[in-house]
C-alpha cells in the first residue's frame, strides 16, 4: 500500500484521527488533485475543480490538524468520489 493510500485510509477512518500532521495533509491533498490557491496566515485554501463544481477547503494548519478539519476533508472526498 502506498503512502497516499495509507493517508487516505487514515483520513476516511471514523472515529476521526487526531494525529494527522499538516505536512502529511498538504502532501495528500496535492496528490489527490487539490490545488493550493492561497495562504492567509495559518489557513491554507485548496480548490478541487470537478465537472460542474469547485470544491473548496479552508484548513488552519496547526500541529496536529484538528479532527473537525479532517472531517471536512473526508466529506469533500466522499462528495468528489460520488460524482
N, C-alpha and C. Protein backbone atom coordinates (compact mmCIF):
# COMPACT_ATOMS: atom_id res chain seq x y z
N UNK A 1 0.85 -1.18 0.00
CA UNK A 1 0.00 0.00 0.00
C UNK A 1 0.90 1.24 0.00
N UNK A 2 0.60 2.18 -0.88
CA UNK A 2 1.41 3.40 -0.99
C UNK A 2 1.14 4.34 0.18
N UNK A 3 2.02 5.31 0.33
CA UNK A 3 1.86 6.34 1.36
C UNK A 3 0.55 7.09 1.16
N UNK A 4 0.23 7.39 -0.11
CA UNK A 4 -1.01 8.09 -0.43
C UNK A 4 -2.21 7.28 0.02
N UNK A 5 -2.22 5.98 -0.29
CA UNK A 5 -3.35 5.13 0.09
C UNK A 5 -3.47 5.01 1.60
N UNK A 6 -2.33 4.92 2.30
CA UNK A 6 -2.36 4.85 3.76
C UNK A 6 -2.95 6.13 4.36
N UNK A 7 -2.55 7.27 3.80
CA UNK A 7 -3.07 8.54 4.31
C UNK A 7 -4.56 8.66 4.02
N UNK A 8 -4.99 8.23 2.83
CA UNK A 8 -6.41 8.30 2.50
C UNK A 8 -7.20 7.43 3.47
N UNK A 9 -6.69 6.25 3.77
CA UNK A 9 -7.36 5.35 4.71
C UNK A 9 -7.47 6.01 6.09
N UNK A 10 -6.40 6.67 6.51
CA UNK A 10 -6.38 7.35 7.81
C UNK A 10 -7.40 8.50 7.85
N UNK A 11 -7.50 9.24 6.75
CA UNK A 11 -8.45 10.36 6.67
C UNK A 11 -9.89 9.87 6.63
N UNK A 12 -10.14 8.78 5.93
CA UNK A 12 -11.50 8.29 5.76
C UNK A 12 -12.01 7.49 6.96
N UNK A 13 -11.13 7.15 7.87
CA UNK A 13 -11.49 6.35 9.04
C UNK A 13 -12.34 7.15 10.03
N UNK A 14 -13.29 6.47 10.65
CA UNK A 14 -14.02 7.06 11.77
C UNK A 14 -13.87 6.12 12.96
N UNK A 15 -13.72 6.58 14.16
CA UNK A 15 -13.68 7.99 14.52
C UNK A 15 -12.47 8.69 13.90
N UNK A 16 -12.57 9.98 13.78
CA UNK A 16 -11.56 10.79 13.11
C UNK A 16 -10.22 10.74 13.83
N UNK A 17 -9.18 10.59 13.04
CA UNK A 17 -7.81 10.62 13.56
C UNK A 17 -7.50 11.99 14.13
N UNK A 18 -6.77 12.00 15.23
CA UNK A 18 -6.40 13.29 15.81
C UNK A 18 -4.88 13.46 15.82
N UNK A 19 -4.19 12.71 14.93
CA UNK A 19 -2.74 12.80 14.90
C UNK A 19 -2.20 13.02 13.48
N UNK A 20 -2.95 13.70 12.64
CA UNK A 20 -2.50 13.98 11.28
C UNK A 20 -1.78 15.32 11.29
N UNK A 21 -0.54 15.29 10.84
CA UNK A 21 0.29 16.49 10.82
C UNK A 21 0.05 17.30 9.54
N UNK A 22 0.24 18.62 9.61
CA UNK A 22 -0.01 19.48 8.46
C UNK A 22 0.73 19.03 7.18
N UNK A 23 1.99 18.67 7.27
CA UNK A 23 2.74 18.28 6.07
C UNK A 23 2.14 17.04 5.42
N UNK A 24 1.69 16.09 6.24
CA UNK A 24 1.04 14.89 5.71
C UNK A 24 -0.23 15.27 4.95
N UNK A 25 -1.03 16.13 5.54
CA UNK A 25 -2.29 16.52 4.91
C UNK A 25 -2.04 17.32 3.63
N UNK A 26 -1.08 18.25 3.67
CA UNK A 26 -0.75 19.05 2.48
C UNK A 26 -0.35 18.13 1.33
N UNK A 27 0.56 17.19 1.60
CA UNK A 27 1.01 16.26 0.56
C UNK A 27 -0.14 15.44 0.01
N UNK A 28 -0.99 14.96 0.89
CA UNK A 28 -2.13 14.16 0.46
C UNK A 28 -3.05 14.96 -0.46
N UNK A 29 -3.41 16.17 -0.04
CA UNK A 29 -4.35 16.98 -0.82
C UNK A 29 -3.81 17.27 -2.22
N UNK A 30 -2.53 17.58 -2.32
CA UNK A 30 -1.94 17.86 -3.63
C UNK A 30 -1.94 16.59 -4.49
N UNK A 31 -1.57 15.46 -3.92
CA UNK A 31 -1.58 14.20 -4.68
C UNK A 31 -2.99 13.81 -5.08
N UNK A 32 -3.97 14.16 -4.27
CA UNK A 32 -5.36 13.84 -4.58
C UNK A 32 -5.88 14.68 -5.75
N UNK A 33 -5.30 15.88 -5.92
CA UNK A 33 -5.72 16.74 -7.02
C UNK A 33 -6.17 18.12 -6.60
N UNK A 34 -6.12 18.41 -5.30
CA UNK A 34 -6.45 19.75 -4.83
C UNK A 34 -5.31 20.70 -5.20
N UNK A 35 -5.66 21.94 -5.45
CA UNK A 35 -4.68 22.96 -5.81
C UNK A 35 -4.67 24.01 -4.70
N UNK A 36 -3.48 24.32 -4.20
CA UNK A 36 -3.35 25.36 -3.19
C UNK A 36 -3.56 26.71 -3.87
N UNK A 37 -4.63 27.41 -3.50
CA UNK A 37 -4.94 28.69 -4.12
C UNK A 37 -4.23 29.83 -3.42
N UNK A 38 -4.27 29.85 -2.10
CA UNK A 38 -3.52 30.85 -1.37
C UNK A 38 -3.46 30.49 0.12
N UNK A 39 -2.59 31.23 0.80
CA UNK A 39 -2.41 31.03 2.24
C UNK A 39 -2.68 32.36 2.91
N UNK A 40 -3.47 32.31 3.97
CA UNK A 40 -3.76 33.50 4.75
C UNK A 40 -3.43 33.18 6.20
N UNK A 41 -2.24 33.55 6.63
CA UNK A 41 -1.78 33.18 7.97
C UNK A 41 -1.55 31.68 8.03
N UNK A 42 -2.23 31.02 8.95
CA UNK A 42 -2.08 29.56 9.06
C UNK A 42 -3.14 28.83 8.22
N UNK A 43 -4.04 29.57 7.58
CA UNK A 43 -5.12 28.97 6.79
C UNK A 43 -4.66 28.73 5.35
N UNK A 44 -4.77 27.48 4.95
CA UNK A 44 -4.43 27.08 3.59
C UNK A 44 -5.74 26.84 2.85
N UNK A 45 -5.91 27.50 1.71
CA UNK A 45 -7.14 27.38 0.95
C UNK A 45 -6.85 26.56 -0.31
N UNK A 46 -7.53 25.41 -0.39
CA UNK A 46 -7.36 24.49 -1.51
C UNK A 46 -8.64 24.44 -2.32
N UNK A 47 -8.49 24.22 -3.63
CA UNK A 47 -9.64 24.03 -4.51
C UNK A 47 -9.46 22.75 -5.30
N UNK A 48 -10.58 22.11 -5.57
CA UNK A 48 -10.60 20.91 -6.41
C UNK A 48 -11.65 21.15 -7.48
N UNK A 49 -11.21 21.39 -8.72
CA UNK A 49 -12.18 21.61 -9.79
C UNK A 49 -12.78 20.28 -10.26
N UNK A 50 -14.09 20.18 -10.19
CA UNK A 50 -14.79 18.97 -10.66
C UNK A 50 -15.58 19.34 -11.91
N UNK A 51 -16.37 18.41 -12.39
CA UNK A 51 -17.12 18.61 -13.64
C UNK A 51 -17.82 19.96 -13.71
N UNK A 52 -18.77 20.20 -12.84
CA UNK A 52 -19.52 21.45 -12.90
C UNK A 52 -19.52 22.16 -11.56
N UNK A 53 -18.48 21.89 -10.78
CA UNK A 53 -18.44 22.41 -9.41
C UNK A 53 -16.99 22.51 -8.95
N UNK A 54 -16.72 23.44 -8.05
CA UNK A 54 -15.39 23.54 -7.45
C UNK A 54 -15.54 23.31 -5.95
N UNK A 55 -14.77 22.37 -5.44
CA UNK A 55 -14.77 22.08 -4.01
C UNK A 55 -13.68 22.93 -3.35
N UNK A 56 -14.00 23.54 -2.22
CA UNK A 56 -13.05 24.42 -1.54
C UNK A 56 -12.86 23.94 -0.11
N UNK A 57 -11.59 23.89 0.31
CA UNK A 57 -11.24 23.57 1.69
C UNK A 57 -10.44 24.73 2.26
N UNK A 58 -10.78 25.16 3.45
CA UNK A 58 -10.06 26.21 4.16
C UNK A 58 -9.60 25.58 5.48
N UNK A 59 -8.32 25.25 5.55
CA UNK A 59 -7.83 24.47 6.68
C UNK A 59 -6.71 25.19 7.41
N UNK A 60 -6.90 25.49 8.71
CA UNK A 60 -5.79 26.02 9.50
C UNK A 60 -4.81 24.88 9.79
N UNK A 61 -3.58 25.07 9.41
CA UNK A 61 -2.58 24.01 9.53
C UNK A 61 -1.81 24.14 10.85
N UNK A 62 -2.44 23.65 11.90
CA UNK A 62 -1.81 23.59 13.21
C UNK A 62 -1.41 22.15 13.48
N UNK A 63 -0.46 21.95 14.40
CA UNK A 63 0.01 20.59 14.71
C UNK A 63 -0.65 20.07 15.96
N UNK A 64 -1.33 18.95 15.88
CA UNK A 64 -1.83 18.27 14.68
C UNK A 64 -3.05 19.02 14.13
N UNK A 65 -3.46 18.63 12.92
CA UNK A 65 -4.66 19.23 12.32
C UNK A 65 -5.86 18.76 13.14
N UNK A 66 -6.72 19.68 13.50
CA UNK A 66 -7.87 19.34 14.34
C UNK A 66 -8.83 18.39 13.60
N UNK A 67 -9.39 17.44 14.33
CA UNK A 67 -10.29 16.44 13.72
C UNK A 67 -11.44 17.06 12.92
N UNK A 68 -11.96 18.20 13.33
CA UNK A 68 -13.07 18.80 12.59
C UNK A 68 -12.67 19.13 11.15
N UNK A 69 -11.40 19.49 10.92
CA UNK A 69 -10.94 19.79 9.57
C UNK A 69 -10.70 18.51 8.77
N UNK A 70 -10.30 17.45 9.45
CA UNK A 70 -10.17 16.15 8.79
C UNK A 70 -11.56 15.68 8.36
N UNK A 71 -12.56 15.93 9.20
CA UNK A 71 -13.95 15.60 8.84
C UNK A 71 -14.36 16.33 7.56
N UNK A 72 -13.97 17.60 7.44
CA UNK A 72 -14.29 18.36 6.23
C UNK A 72 -13.63 17.76 4.99
N UNK A 73 -12.38 17.35 5.15
CA UNK A 73 -11.66 16.72 4.03
C UNK A 73 -12.39 15.43 3.64
N UNK A 74 -12.74 14.61 4.63
CA UNK A 74 -13.45 13.35 4.37
C UNK A 74 -14.75 13.61 3.61
N UNK A 75 -15.50 14.63 4.06
CA UNK A 75 -16.77 14.95 3.41
C UNK A 75 -16.55 15.36 1.96
N UNK A 76 -15.55 16.19 1.71
CA UNK A 76 -15.26 16.63 0.33
C UNK A 76 -14.87 15.44 -0.55
N UNK A 77 -14.03 14.57 -0.04
CA UNK A 77 -13.60 13.40 -0.82
C UNK A 77 -14.79 12.51 -1.13
N UNK A 78 -15.66 12.31 -0.15
CA UNK A 78 -16.85 11.49 -0.37
C UNK A 78 -17.72 12.11 -1.47
N UNK A 79 -17.90 13.43 -1.43
CA UNK A 79 -18.69 14.09 -2.47
C UNK A 79 -18.01 14.01 -3.84
N UNK A 80 -16.71 14.22 -3.89
CA UNK A 80 -15.97 14.16 -5.15
C UNK A 80 -16.08 12.78 -5.76
N UNK A 81 -15.89 11.76 -4.96
CA UNK A 81 -15.93 10.38 -5.47
C UNK A 81 -17.34 9.92 -5.78
N UNK A 82 -18.34 10.62 -5.23
CA UNK A 82 -19.72 10.28 -5.50
C UNK A 82 -20.24 10.85 -6.81
N UNK A 83 -19.51 11.81 -7.37
CA UNK A 83 -19.97 12.47 -8.61
C UNK A 83 -19.71 11.59 -9.82
